Amino acid sequence: MASTACFIIVSRNDIPIYEAEVGSAAKKEEASQQHQFILHAALDIVEDLAWTTNAIFMLLHDSRNEDGIKSFFQEVQELYIKILLNPLYLPGSRIASSHFDTKVRALARKYL
């Protein structure tokens, strides 16, 4: 069965710093906008619970692979830490690294 997921990293100021539509299902513009709407609406709830963190990882998915999702988040967190350790990256700014994007998409194919 084809699955789809929308992954977003959000800065402390509720600004998306990384977004990726991942999965094997066909991507439609309408579905992409719907995913973004749902994730941004969820930010209001998450903001109250996680105001002490520098960034929030959010994943909207249609699968029930909890172990795969956990592994995905663990490995993406390691990638994000490497981005933060880069002296040329300004924390809270958009992640424009093609290497980061490629790795996240590969992890999504592997785990989601």
Protein backbone atom coordinates (compact mmCIF):
# COMPACT_ATOMS: atom_id res chain seq x y z
CA MET A 1 0.00 0.00 0.00
CA ALA A 2 1.30 3.44 -0.88
CA SER A 3 2.00 5.75 2.02
CA THR A 4 2.69 9.41 2.30
CA ALA A 5 4.17 11.61 4.99
CA CYS A 6 4.89 15.28 5.47
CA PHE A 7 7.90 16.03 7.68
CA ILE A 8 8.59 19.49 9.08
CA ILE A 9 11.18 20.92 11.45
CA VAL A 10 9.84 24.04 13.14
CA SER A 11 11.93 26.70 14.86
CA ARG A 12 11.16 28.14 18.26
CA ASN A 13 9.36 31.04 16.54
CA ASP A 14 6.89 28.69 14.77
CA ILE A 15 8.70 29.11 11.47
CA PRO A 16 9.20 26.00 9.33
CA ILE A 17 12.95 25.65 8.75
CA TYR A 18 12.70 22.38 6.81
CA GLU A 19 9.78 20.74 4.98
CA ALA A 20 9.62 17.54 2.94
CA GLU A 21 6.79 15.55 1.40
CA VAL A 22 8.02 11.97 1.56
CA GLY A 23 6.52 8.59 0.81
CA SER A 24 5.58 6.36 -2.06
CA ALA A 25 2.08 7.71 -2.75
CA ALA A 26 1.49 10.08 -5.63
CA LYS A 27 1.87 13.66 -4.51
CA LYS A 28 -0.91 16.12 -5.27
CA GLU A 29 -0.77 19.86 -4.69
CA GLU A 30 -4.08 19.73 -2.84
CA ALA A 31 -2.81 17.00 -0.46
CA SER A 32 0.39 18.95 0.13
CA GLN A 33 -1.56 22.05 1.15
CA GLN A 34 -3.81 19.97 3.39
CA HIS A 35 -0.77 18.42 5.11
CA GLN A 36 0.71 21.85 5.75
CA PHE A 37 -2.59 23.13 7.14
CA ILE A 38 -2.89 20.18 9.55
CA LEU A 39 0.72 20.51 10.72
CA HIS A 40 0.46 24.25 11.26
CA ALA A 41 -2.79 23.77 13.21
CA ALA A 42 -1.04 21.17 15.37
CA LEU A 43 1.67 23.72 16.20
CA ASP A 44 -0.71 25.57 18.51
CA ILE A 45 -1.08 22.47 20.66
CA VAL A 46 2.58 21.48 20.50
CA GLU A 47 3.74 25.02 21.29
CA ASP A 48 2.15 24.88 24.73
CA LEU A 49 3.83 21.56 25.51
CA ALA A 50 7.30 22.07 24.10
CA TRP A 51 8.14 25.76 24.58
CA THR A 52 11.52 24.94 26.13
CA THR A 53 13.04 23.32 23.01
CA ASN A 54 14.90 25.01 20.19
CA ALA A 55 13.20 23.05 17.42
CA ILE A 56 10.26 20.72 17.08
CA PHE A 57 10.11 17.75 14.73
CA MET A 58 6.64 17.01 13.35
CA LEU A 59 5.56 14.17 11.11
CA LEU A 60 2.13 13.74 9.56
CA HIS A 61 1.80 10.15 8.33
CA ASP A 62 -0.75 7.56 7.36
CA SER A 63 1.12 4.43 8.47
CA ARG A 64 1.21 2.55 11.77
CA ASN A 65 4.90 1.73 11.85
CA GLU A 66 5.82 3.01 15.31
CA ASP A 67 9.27 1.41 15.39
CA GLY A 68 10.11 2.80 11.96
CA ILE A 69 8.91 6.26 12.95
CA LYS A 70 11.01 6.16 16.12
CA SER A 71 14.10 5.12 14.14
CA PHE A 72 13.39 7.83 11.57
CA PHE A 73 13.24 10.52 14.25
CA GLN A 74 16.40 9.27 15.98
CA GLU A 75 18.44 9.38 12.79
CA VAL A 76 17.00 12.71 11.63
CA GLN A 77 17.84 14.17 15.04
CA GLU A 78 21.46 13.09 14.53
CA LEU A 79 21.45 14.82 11.12
CA TYR A 80 19.94 17.95 12.65
CA ILE A 81 22.60 18.04 15.36
CA LYS A 82 25.27 17.88 12.66
CA ILE A 83 23.60 20.88 10.96
CA LEU A 84 23.61 22.78 14.28
CA LEU A 85 27.30 22.03 14.77
CA ASN A 86 28.11 23.63 11.42
CA PRO A 87 29.61 27.06 12.20
CA LEU A 88 28.12 28.48 8.98
CA TYR A 89 24.54 27.59 9.96
CA LEU A 90 22.53 30.19 11.85
CA PRO A 91 20.18 28.34 14.28
CA GLY A 92 16.55 28.99 13.42
CA SER A 93 17.25 29.75 9.76
CA ARG A 94 15.96 27.66 6.86
CA ILE A 95 17.90 24.43 6.25
CA ALA A 96 18.91 24.64 2.61
CA SER A 97 21.45 21.81 2.57
CA SER A 98 20.83 19.43 -0.31
CA HIS A 99 22.84 16.80 1.59
CA PHE A 100 20.47 17.07 4.58
CA ASP A 101 17.43 16.85 2.28
CA THR A 102 18.81 13.80 0.48
CA LYS A 103 19.57 12.03 3.77
CA VAL A 104 16.12 12.79 5.25
CA ARG A 105 14.38 11.47 2.13
CA ALA A 106 16.55 8.33 2.19
CA LEU A 107 15.65 7.77 5.87
CA ALA A 108 11.97 8.25 5.04
CA ARG A 109 12.18 5.60 2.31
CA LYS A 110 13.99 3.27 4.71
CA TYR A 111 11.73 3.67 7.78
CA LEU A 112 8.35 5.09 6.77
